[in-house]
Each structure stands twice: as C-alpha cells, then as structure tokens.
Amino acid sequence: LMVPFQVTLVPVFLTLFHLGWLNSYQGLIIPRAT
C-alpha cells in the first residue's frame, strides 16, 4: 500500500508489451485484479 502505482507503471507496461497484451481486455484487467 505504501508503493505508489506510478512506480510500477513502467515495469508492468513493458511486461504487457512483451506478452502482446496492449490494446486488449486482458491487459486492462489482469494487472488490476487484486
């Protein structure tokens, strides 16, 4: 809870890029599912 969301934004974006999940529902939903 003490880690701002913006700190993890770039690593999560790169992960989604390599998975090919950009512009997809799974890319929108799964990183925010907890």
PDB file of all heavy atoms in Angstrom:
ATOM      1  N   LEU A   1       0.817  -1.215   0.000  1.00  0.00           N
ATOM      2  CA  LEU A   1       0.000   0.000   0.000  1.00  0.00           C
ATOM      3  C   LEU A   1       0.848   1.262   0.000  1.00  0.00           C
ATOM      4  O   LEU A   1       0.375   2.325  -0.410  1.00  0.00           O
ATOM      5  CB  LEU A   1      -0.932   0.005   1.220  1.00  0.00           C
ATOM      6  CG  LEU A   1      -2.063  -1.020   1.236  1.00  0.00           C
ATOM      7  CD1 LEU A   1      -2.779  -0.992   2.583  1.00  0.00           C
ATOM      8  CD2 LEU A   1      -3.046  -0.744   0.115  1.00  0.00           C
ATOM      9  N   MET A   2       2.094   1.144   0.453  1.00  0.00           N
ATOM     10  CA  MET A   2       2.975   2.316   0.508  1.00  0.00           C
ATOM     11  C   MET A   2       3.733   2.536  -0.792  1.00  0.00           C
ATOM     12  O   MET A   2       4.492   3.497  -0.905  1.00  0.00           O
ATOM     13  CB  MET A   2       3.960   2.159   1.671  1.00  0.00           C
ATOM     14  CG  MET A   2       3.295   2.136   3.035  1.00  0.00           C
ATOM     15  SD  MET A   2       4.470   2.001   4.399  1.00  0.00           S
ATOM     16  CE  MET A   2       5.002   0.301   4.199  1.00  0.00           C
ATOM     17  N   VAL A   3       3.554   1.636  -1.766  1.00  0.00           N
ATOM     18  CA  VAL A   3       4.229   1.774  -3.058  1.00  0.00           C
ATOM     19  C   VAL A   3       3.273   2.451  -4.032  1.00  0.00           C
ATOM     20  O   VAL A   3       2.210   1.903  -4.347  1.00  0.00           O
ATOM     21  CB  VAL A   3       4.657   0.398  -3.609  1.00  0.00           C
ATOM     22  CG1 VAL A   3       5.359   0.561  -4.959  1.00  0.00           C
ATOM     23  CG2 VAL A   3       5.572  -0.305  -2.614  1.00  0.00           C
ATOM     24  N   PRO A   4       3.570   3.638  -4.519  1.00  0.00           N
ATOM     25  CA  PRO A   4       2.674   4.309  -5.473  1.00  0.00           C
ATOM     26  C   PRO A   4       2.526   3.501  -6.754  1.00  0.00           C
ATOM     27  O   PRO A   4       3.447   2.817  -7.203  1.00  0.00           O
ATOM     28  CB  PRO A   4       3.372   5.655  -5.734  1.00  0.00           C
ATOM     29  CG  PRO A   4       4.315   5.839  -4.598  1.00  0.00           C
ATOM     30  CD  PRO A   4       4.744   4.470  -4.180  1.00  0.00           C
ATOM     31  N   PHE A   5       1.331   3.573  -7.316  1.00  0.00           N
ATOM     32  CA  PHE A   5       1.064   2.833  -8.546  1.00  0.00           C
ATOM     33  C   PHE A   5       1.960   3.295  -9.692  1.00  0.00           C
ATOM     34  O   PHE A   5       2.341   2.496 -10.558  1.00  0.00           O
ATOM     35  CB  PHE A   5      -0.413   3.006  -8.919  1.00  0.00           C
ATOM     36  CG  PHE A   5      -0.768   2.407 -10.251  1.00  0.00           C
ATOM     37  CD1 PHE A   5      -0.799   1.036 -10.422  1.00  0.00           C
ATOM     38  CD2 PHE A   5      -1.060   3.223 -11.332  1.00  0.00           C
ATOM     39  CE1 PHE A   5      -1.127   0.480 -11.649  1.00  0.00           C
ATOM     40  CE2 PHE A   5      -1.387   2.682 -12.561  1.00  0.00           C
ATOM     41  CZ  PHE A   5      -1.431   1.308 -12.724  1.00  0.00           C
ATOM     42  N   GLN A   6       2.316   4.567  -9.694  1.00  0.00           N
ATOM     43  CA  GLN A   6       3.145   5.093 -10.787  1.00  0.00           C
ATOM     44  C   GLN A   6       4.539   4.472 -10.797  1.00  0.00           C
ATOM     45  O   GLN A   6       5.205   4.450 -11.829  1.00  0.00           O
ATOM     46  CB  GLN A   6       3.260   6.615 -10.664  1.00  0.00           C
ATOM     47  CG  GLN A   6       1.976   7.360 -10.947  1.00  0.00           C
ATOM     48  CD  GLN A   6       1.003   7.317  -9.796  1.00  0.00           C
ATOM     49  OE1 GLN A   6       1.322   6.830  -8.706  1.00  0.00           O
ATOM     50  NE2 GLN A   6      -0.197   7.834 -10.001  1.00  0.00           N
ATOM     51  N   VAL A   7       5.009   3.976  -9.626  1.00  0.00           N
ATOM     52  CA  VAL A   7       6.337   3.365  -9.570  1.00  0.00           C
ATOM     53  C   VAL A   7       6.383   2.070 -10.377  1.00  0.00           C
ATOM     54  O   VAL A   7       7.383   1.755 -11.033  1.00  0.00           O
ATOM     55  CB  VAL A   7       6.729   3.110  -8.095  1.00  0.00           C
ATOM     56  CG1 VAL A   7       8.031   2.326  -8.002  1.00  0.00           C
ATOM     57  CG2 VAL A   7       6.844   4.437  -7.351  1.00  0.00           C
ATOM     58  N   THR A   8       5.308   1.321 -10.345  1.00  0.00           N
ATOM     59  CA  THR A   8       5.265   0.034 -11.053  1.00  0.00           C
ATOM     60  C   THR A   8       4.682   0.159 -12.459  1.00  0.00           C
ATOM     61  O   THR A   8       4.553  -0.856 -13.156  1.00  0.00           O
ATOM     62  CB  THR A   8       4.411  -0.960 -10.255  1.00  0.00           C
ATOM     63  OG1 THR A   8       3.067  -0.467 -10.145  1.00  0.00           O
ATOM     64  CG2 THR A   8       4.987  -1.163  -8.862  1.00  0.00           C
ATOM     65  N   LEU A   9       4.349   1.356 -12.882  1.00  0.00           N
ATOM     66  CA  LEU A   9       3.678   1.525 -14.177  1.00  0.00           C
ATOM     67  C   LEU A   9       4.559   1.093 -15.339  1.00  0.00           C
ATOM     68  O   LEU A   9       4.124   0.341 -16.223  1.00  0.00           O
ATOM     69  CB  LEU A   9       3.242   2.980 -14.336  1.00  0.00           C
ATOM     70  CG  LEU A   9       2.401   3.306 -15.576  1.00  0.00           C
ATOM     71  CD1 LEU A   9       1.108   2.514 -15.555  1.00  0.00           C
ATOM     72  CD2 LEU A   9       2.105   4.799 -15.622  1.00  0.00           C
ATOM     73  N   VAL A  10       5.810   1.542 -15.351  1.00  0.00           N
ATOM     74  CA  VAL A  10       6.699   1.217 -16.466  1.00  0.00           C
ATOM     75  C   VAL A  10       7.027  -0.279 -16.524  1.00  0.00           C
ATOM     76  O   VAL A  10       6.932  -0.896 -17.598  1.00  0.00           O
ATOM     77  CB  VAL A  10       7.989   2.071 -16.396  1.00  0.00           C
ATOM     78  CG1 VAL A  10       8.991   1.619 -17.458  1.00  0.00           C
ATOM     79  CG2 VAL A  10       7.653   3.549 -16.571  1.00  0.00           C
ATOM     80  N   PRO A  11       7.409  -0.936 -15.414  1.00  0.00           N
ATOM     81  CA  PRO A  11       7.665  -2.387 -15.499  1.00  0.00           C
ATOM     82  C   PRO A  11       6.438  -3.185 -15.942  1.00  0.00           C
ATOM     83  O   PRO A  11       6.571  -4.126 -16.742  1.00  0.00           O
ATOM     84  CB  PRO A  11       8.083  -2.756 -14.070  1.00  0.00           C
ATOM     85  CG  PRO A  11       8.582  -1.495 -13.484  1.00  0.00           C
ATOM     86  CD  PRO A  11       7.756  -0.413 -14.091  1.00  0.00           C
ATOM     87  N   VAL A  12       5.264  -2.818 -15.454  1.00  0.00           N
ATOM     88  CA  VAL A  12       4.058  -3.541 -15.864  1.00  0.00           C
ATOM     89  C   VAL A  12       3.764  -3.293 -17.340  1.00  0.00           C
ATOM     90  O   VAL A  12       3.386  -4.219 -18.075  1.00  0.00           O
ATOM     91  CB  VAL A  12       2.862  -3.115 -14.993  1.00  0.00           C
ATOM     92  CG1 VAL A  12       1.573  -3.736 -15.509  1.00  0.00           C
ATOM     93  CG2 VAL A  12       3.097  -3.536 -13.549  1.00  0.00           C
ATOM     94  N   PHE A  13       3.979  -2.074 -17.801  1.00  0.00           N
ATOM     95  CA  PHE A  13       3.758  -1.773 -19.222  1.00  0.00           C
ATOM     96  C   PHE A  13       4.697  -2.593 -20.107  1.00  0.00           C
ATOM     97  O   PHE A  13       4.282  -3.132 -21.144  1.00  0.00           O
ATOM     98  CB  PHE A  13       3.955  -0.281 -19.465  1.00  0.00           C
ATOM     99  CG  PHE A  13       3.846   0.108 -20.915  1.00  0.00           C
ATOM    100  CD1 PHE A  13       2.613   0.308 -21.506  1.00  0.00           C
ATOM    101  CD2 PHE A  13       4.997   0.269 -21.688  1.00  0.00           C
ATOM    102  CE1 PHE A  13       2.517   0.659 -22.850  1.00  0.00           C
ATOM    103  CE2 PHE A  13       4.905   0.625 -23.019  1.00  0.00           C
ATOM    104  CZ  PHE A  13       3.673   0.823 -23.602  1.00  0.00           C
ATOM    105  N   LEU A  14       5.966  -2.687 -19.717  1.00  0.00           N
ATOM    106  CA  LEU A  14       6.916  -3.482 -20.504  1.00  0.00           C
ATOM    107  C   LEU A  14       6.538  -4.960 -20.504  1.00  0.00           C
ATOM    108  O   LEU A  14       6.671  -5.653 -21.525  1.00  0.00           O
ATOM    109  CB  LEU A  14       8.327  -3.298 -19.949  1.00  0.00           C
ATOM    110  CG  LEU A  14       8.924  -1.890 -20.096  1.00  0.00           C
ATOM    111  CD1 LEU A  14      10.293  -1.815 -19.432  1.00  0.00           C
ATOM    112  CD2 LEU A  14       9.022  -1.498 -21.569  1.00  0.00           C
ATOM    113  N   THR A  15       6.051  -5.448 -19.369  1.00  0.00           N
ATOM    114  CA  THR A  15       5.611  -6.845 -19.314  1.00  0.00           C
ATOM    115  C   THR A  15       4.444  -7.080 -20.260  1.00  0.00           C
ATOM    116  O   THR A  15       4.420  -8.083 -21.009  1.00  0.00           O
ATOM    117  CB  THR A  15       5.210  -7.210 -17.873  1.00  0.00           C
ATOM    118  OG1 THR A  15       6.315  -6.979 -16.999  1.00  0.00           O
ATOM    119  CG2 THR A  15       4.786  -8.669 -17.790  1.00  0.00           C
ATOM    120  N   LEU A  16       3.473  -6.191 -20.257  1.00  0.00           N
ATOM    121  CA  LEU A  16       2.337  -6.333 -21.161  1.00  0.00           C
ATOM    122  C   LEU A  16       2.762  -6.213 -22.621  1.00  0.00           C
ATOM    123  O   LEU A  16       2.208  -6.894 -23.498  1.00  0.00           O
ATOM    124  CB  LEU A  16       1.276  -5.271 -20.836  1.00  0.00           C
ATOM    125  CG  LEU A  16       0.616  -5.362 -19.461  1.00  0.00           C
ATOM    126  CD1 LEU A  16      -0.387  -4.216 -19.283  1.00  0.00           C
ATOM    127  CD2 LEU A  16      -0.072  -6.702 -19.268  1.00  0.00           C
ATOM    128  N   PHE A  17       3.752  -5.366 -22.880  1.00  0.00           N
ATOM    129  CA  PHE A  17       4.247  -5.210 -24.248  1.00  0.00           C
ATOM    130  C   PHE A  17       4.859  -6.514 -24.763  1.00  0.00           C
ATOM    131  O   PHE A  17       4.585  -6.948 -25.886  1.00  0.00           O
ATOM    132  CB  PHE A  17       5.264  -4.075 -24.305  1.00  0.00           C
ATOM    133  CG  PHE A  17       5.943  -3.944 -25.635  1.00  0.00           C
ATOM    134  CD1 PHE A  17       5.297  -3.375 -26.716  1.00  0.00           C
ATOM    135  CD2 PHE A  17       7.255  -4.396 -25.807  1.00  0.00           C
ATOM    136  CE1 PHE A  17       5.930  -3.258 -27.956  1.00  0.00           C
ATOM    137  CE2 PHE A  17       7.892  -4.290 -27.033  1.00  0.00           C
ATOM    138  CZ  PHE A  17       7.229  -3.719 -28.109  1.00  0.00           C
ATOM    139  N   HIS A  18       5.680  -7.163 -23.941  1.00  0.00           N
ATOM    140  CA  HIS A  18       6.307  -8.414 -24.363  1.00  0.00           C
ATOM    141  C   HIS A  18       5.302  -9.557 -24.448  1.00  0.00           C
ATOM    142  O   HIS A  18       5.501 -10.500 -25.227  1.00  0.00           O
ATOM    143  CB  HIS A  18       7.447  -8.779 -23.406  1.00  0.00           C
ATOM    144  CG  HIS A  18       8.623  -7.852 -23.491  1.00  0.00           C
ATOM    145  ND1 HIS A  18       9.412  -7.731 -24.623  1.00  0.00           N
ATOM    146  CD2 HIS A  18       9.140  -6.975 -22.588  1.00  0.00           C
ATOM    147  CE1 HIS A  18      10.375  -6.842 -24.414  1.00  0.00           C
ATOM    148  NE2 HIS A  18      10.226  -6.368 -23.184  1.00  0.00           N
ATOM    149  N   LEU A  19       4.239  -9.489 -23.666  1.00  0.00           N
ATOM    150  CA  LEU A  19       3.198 -10.513 -23.759  1.00  0.00           C
ATOM    151  C   LEU A  19       2.237 -10.255 -24.913  1.00  0.00           C
ATOM    152  O   LEU A  19       1.436 -11.139 -25.257  1.00  0.00           O
ATOM    153  CB  LEU A  19       2.398 -10.565 -22.449  1.00  0.00           C
ATOM    154  CG  LEU A  19       3.123 -11.109 -21.213  1.00  0.00           C
ATOM    155  CD1 LEU A  19       2.239 -10.959 -19.977  1.00  0.00           C
ATOM    156  CD2 LEU A  19       3.510 -12.571 -21.415  1.00  0.00           C
ATOM    157  N   GLY A  20       2.306  -9.078 -25.501  1.00  0.00           N
ATOM    158  CA  GLY A  20       1.383  -8.742 -26.578  1.00  0.00           C
ATOM    159  C   GLY A  20      -0.023  -8.438 -26.088  1.00  0.00           C
ATOM    160  O   GLY A  20      -0.997  -8.662 -26.822  1.00  0.00           O
ATOM    161  N   TRP A  21      -0.135  -7.915 -24.865  1.00  0.00           N
ATOM    162  CA  TRP A  21      -1.442  -7.664 -24.274  1.00  0.00           C
ATOM    163  C   TRP A  21      -1.850  -6.201 -24.313  1.00  0.00           C
ATOM    164  O   TRP A  21      -2.870  -5.838 -23.721  1.00  0.00           O
ATOM    165  CB  TRP A  21      -1.446  -8.133 -22.820  1.00  0.00           C
ATOM    166  CG  TRP A  21      -1.521  -9.623 -22.682  1.00  0.00           C
ATOM    167  CD1 TRP A  21      -1.516 -10.543 -23.687  1.00  0.00           C
ATOM    168  CD2 TRP A  21      -1.632 -10.349 -21.453  1.00  0.00           C
ATOM    169  NE1 TRP A  21      -1.601 -11.798 -23.184  1.00  0.00           N
ATOM    170  CE2 TRP A  21      -1.677 -11.729 -21.807  1.00  0.00           C
ATOM    171  CE3 TRP A  21      -1.672  -9.998 -20.111  1.00  0.00           C
ATOM    172  CZ2 TRP A  21      -1.776 -12.729 -20.856  1.00  0.00           C
ATOM    173  CZ3 TRP A  21      -1.776 -10.988 -19.165  1.00  0.00           C
ATOM    174  CH2 TRP A  21      -1.836 -12.347 -19.534  1.00  0.00           C
ATOM    175  N   LEU A  22      -1.098  -5.349 -24.985  1.00  0.00           N
ATOM    176  CA  LEU A  22      -1.536  -3.972 -25.126  1.00  0.00           C
ATOM    177  C   LEU A  22      -2.759  -3.910 -26.027  1.00  0.00           C
ATOM    178  O   LEU A  22      -2.915  -4.724 -26.946  1.00  0.00           O
ATOM    179  CB  LEU A  22      -0.409  -3.113 -25.697  1.00  0.00           C
ATOM    180  CG  LEU A  22       0.865  -3.000 -24.844  1.00  0.00           C
ATOM    181  CD1 LEU A  22       1.897  -2.150 -25.549  1.00  0.00           C
ATOM    182  CD2 LEU A  22       0.549  -2.430 -23.458  1.00  0.00           C
ATOM    183  N   ASN A  23      -3.650  -2.947 -25.767  1.00  0.00           N
ATOM    184  CA  ASN A  23      -4.905  -2.807 -26.509  1.00  0.00           C
ATOM    185  C   ASN A  23      -5.735  -4.085 -26.441  1.00  0.00           C
ATOM    186  O   ASN A  23      -6.254  -4.581 -27.456  1.00  0.00           O
ATOM    187  CB  ASN A  23      -4.640  -2.435 -27.972  1.00  0.00           C
ATOM    188  CG  ASN A  23      -4.089  -1.042 -28.129  1.00  0.00           C
ATOM    189  OD1 ASN A  23      -4.643  -0.080 -27.599  1.00  0.00           O
ATOM    190  ND2 ASN A  23      -2.968  -0.911 -28.824  1.00  0.00           N
ATOM    191  N   SER A  24      -5.842  -4.646 -25.248  1.00  0.00           N
ATOM    192  CA  SER A  24      -6.636  -5.864 -25.057  1.00  0.00           C
ATOM    193  C   SER A  24      -7.301  -5.816 -23.692  1.00  0.00           C
ATOM    194  O   SER A  24      -6.859  -5.105 -22.781  1.00  0.00           O
ATOM    195  CB  SER A  24      -5.763  -7.116 -25.178  1.00  0.00           C
ATOM    196  OG  SER A  24      -4.805  -7.158 -24.128  1.00  0.00           O
ATOM    197  N   TYR A  25      -8.366  -6.611 -23.546  1.00  0.00           N
ATOM    198  CA  TYR A  25      -9.067  -6.659 -22.269  1.00  0.00           C
ATOM    199  C   TYR A  25      -8.215  -7.285 -21.176  1.00  0.00           C
ATOM    200  O   TYR A  25      -8.243  -6.846 -20.024  1.00  0.00           O
ATOM    201  CB  TYR A  25     -10.382  -7.420 -22.413  1.00  0.00           C
ATOM    202  CG  TYR A  25     -11.455  -6.663 -23.154  1.00  0.00           C
ATOM    203  CD1 TYR A  25     -12.160  -7.253 -24.198  1.00  0.00           C
ATOM    204  CD2 TYR A  25     -11.768  -5.355 -22.797  1.00  0.00           C
ATOM    205  CE1 TYR A  25     -13.156  -6.562 -24.877  1.00  0.00           C
ATOM    206  CE2 TYR A  25     -12.755  -4.650 -23.474  1.00  0.00           C
ATOM    207  CZ  TYR A  25     -13.448  -5.265 -24.519  1.00  0.00           C
ATOM    208  OH  TYR A  25     -14.421  -4.562 -25.178  1.00  0.00           O
ATOM    209  N   GLN A  26      -7.466  -8.330 -21.531  1.00  0.00           N
ATOM    210  CA  GLN A  26      -6.629  -8.951 -20.501  1.00  0.00           C
ATOM    211  C   GLN A  26      -5.540  -8.009 -20.017  1.00  0.00           C
ATOM    212  O   GLN A  26      -5.147  -8.031 -18.841  1.00  0.00           O
ATOM    213  CB  GLN A  26      -6.010 -10.264 -21.011  1.00  0.00           C
ATOM    214  CG  GLN A  26      -5.098 -10.127 -22.213  1.00  0.00           C
ATOM    215  CD  GLN A  26      -5.825 -10.342 -23.516  1.00  0.00           C
ATOM    216  OE1 GLN A  26      -7.020 -10.062 -23.600  1.00  0.00           O
ATOM    217  NE2 GLN A  26      -5.107 -10.840 -24.519  1.00  0.00           N
ATOM    218  N   GLY A  27      -5.038  -7.159 -20.906  1.00  0.00           N
ATOM    219  CA  GLY A  27      -4.056  -6.172 -20.482  1.00  0.00           C
ATOM    220  C   GLY A  27      -4.646  -5.132 -19.548  1.00  0.00           C
ATOM    221  O   GLY A  27      -3.966  -4.627 -18.649  1.00  0.00           O
ATOM    222  N   LEU A  28      -5.919  -4.794 -19.748  1.00  0.00           N
ATOM    223  CA  LEU A  28      -6.579  -3.842 -18.866  1.00  0.00           C
ATOM    224  C   LEU A  28      -6.927  -4.456 -17.513  1.00  0.00           C
ATOM    225  O   LEU A  28      -6.787  -3.802 -16.474  1.00  0.00           O
ATOM    226  CB  LEU A  28      -7.865  -3.328 -19.525  1.00  0.00           C
ATOM    227  CG  LEU A  28      -7.739  -2.275 -20.626  1.00  0.00           C
ATOM    228  CD1 LEU A  28      -9.074  -2.087 -21.325  1.00  0.00           C
ATOM    229  CD2 LEU A  28      -7.270  -0.941 -20.049  1.00  0.00           C
ATOM    230  N   ILE A  29      -7.361  -5.714 -17.507  1.00  0.00           N
ATOM    231  CA  ILE A  29      -7.970  -6.294 -16.313  1.00  0.00           C
ATOM    232  C   ILE A  29      -6.957  -6.961 -15.398  1.00  0.00           C
ATOM    233  O   ILE A  29      -6.922  -6.696 -14.185  1.00  0.00           O
ATOM    234  CB  ILE A  29      -9.070  -7.295 -16.737  1.00  0.00           C
ATOM    235  CG1 ILE A  29     -10.222  -6.555 -17.408  1.00  0.00           C
ATOM    236  CG2 ILE A  29      -9.564  -8.088 -15.533  1.00  0.00           C
ATOM    237  CD1 ILE A  29     -11.281  -7.464 -17.977  1.00  0.00           C
ATOM    238  N   ILE A  30      -6.108  -7.846 -15.925  1.00  0.00           N
ATOM    239  CA  ILE A  30      -5.298  -8.729 -15.084  1.00  0.00           C
ATOM    240  C   ILE A  30      -4.353  -7.955 -14.157  1.00  0.00           C
ATOM    241  O   ILE A  30      -4.251  -8.288 -12.963  1.00  0.00           O
ATOM    242  CB  ILE A  30      -4.538  -9.734 -15.962  1.00  0.00           C
ATOM    243  CG1 ILE A  30      -5.535 -10.703 -16.598  1.00  0.00           C
ATOM    244  CG2 ILE A  30      -3.483 -10.502 -15.158  1.00  0.00           C
ATOM    245  CD1 ILE A  30      -4.916 -11.737 -17.501  1.00  0.00           C
ATOM    246  N   PRO A  31      -3.632  -6.920 -14.608  1.00  0.00           N
ATOM    247  CA  PRO A  31      -2.755  -6.216 -13.656  1.00  0.00           C
ATOM    248  C   PRO A  31      -3.493  -5.504 -12.520  1.00  0.00           C
ATOM    249  O   PRO A  31      -2.872  -5.159 -11.517  1.00  0.00           O
ATOM    250  CB  PRO A  31      -2.013  -5.202 -14.545  1.00  0.00           C
ATOM    251  CG  PRO A  31      -2.077  -5.780 -15.916  1.00  0.00           C
ATOM    252  CD  PRO A  31      -3.409  -6.445 -15.986  1.00  0.00           C
ATOM    253  N   ARG A  32      -4.791  -5.293 -12.662  1.00  0.00           N
ATOM    254  CA  ARG A  32      -5.570  -4.596 -11.617  1.00  0.00           C
ATOM    255  C   ARG A  32      -6.494  -5.553 -10.875  1.00  0.00           C
ATOM    256  O   ARG A  32      -7.400  -5.107 -10.172  1.00  0.00           O
ATOM    257  CB  ARG A  32      -6.413  -3.481 -12.251  1.00  0.00           C
ATOM    258  CG  ARG A  32      -5.631  -2.508 -13.116  1.00  0.00           C
ATOM    259  CD  ARG A  32      -4.605  -1.734 -12.299  1.00  0.00           C
ATOM    260  NE  ARG A  32      -5.210  -0.992 -11.224  1.00  0.00           N
ATOM    261  CZ  ARG A  32      -5.721   0.230 -11.359  1.00  0.00           C
ATOM    262  NH1 ARG A  32      -5.696   0.839 -12.534  1.00  0.00           N
ATOM    263  NH2 ARG A  32      -6.251   0.854 -10.324  1.00  0.00           N
ATOM    264  N   ALA A  33      -6.278  -6.862 -10.992  1.00  0.00           N
ATOM    265  CA  ALA A  33      -7.235  -7.857 -10.491  1.00  0.00           C
ATOM    266  C   ALA A  33      -7.064  -8.171  -9.014  1.00  0.00           C
ATOM    267  O   ALA A  33      -7.755  -9.057  -8.508  1.00  0.00           O
ATOM    268  CB  ALA A  33      -7.147  -9.145 -11.313  1.00  0.00           C
ATOM    269  N   THR A  34      -6.161  -7.528  -8.330  1.00  0.00           N
ATOM    270  CA  THR A  34      -6.018  -7.702  -6.885  1.00  0.00           C
ATOM    271  C   THR A  34      -5.812  -6.332  -6.239  1.00  0.00           C
ATOM    272  O   THR A  34      -5.379  -5.386  -6.900  1.00  0.00           O
ATOM    273  CB  THR A  34      -4.837  -8.618  -6.520  1.00  0.00           C
ATOM    274  OG1 THR A  34      -3.628  -8.077  -7.067  1.00  0.00           O
ATOM    275  CG2 THR A  34      -5.047 -10.028  -7.042  1.00  0.00           C
TER     276      THR A  34
END
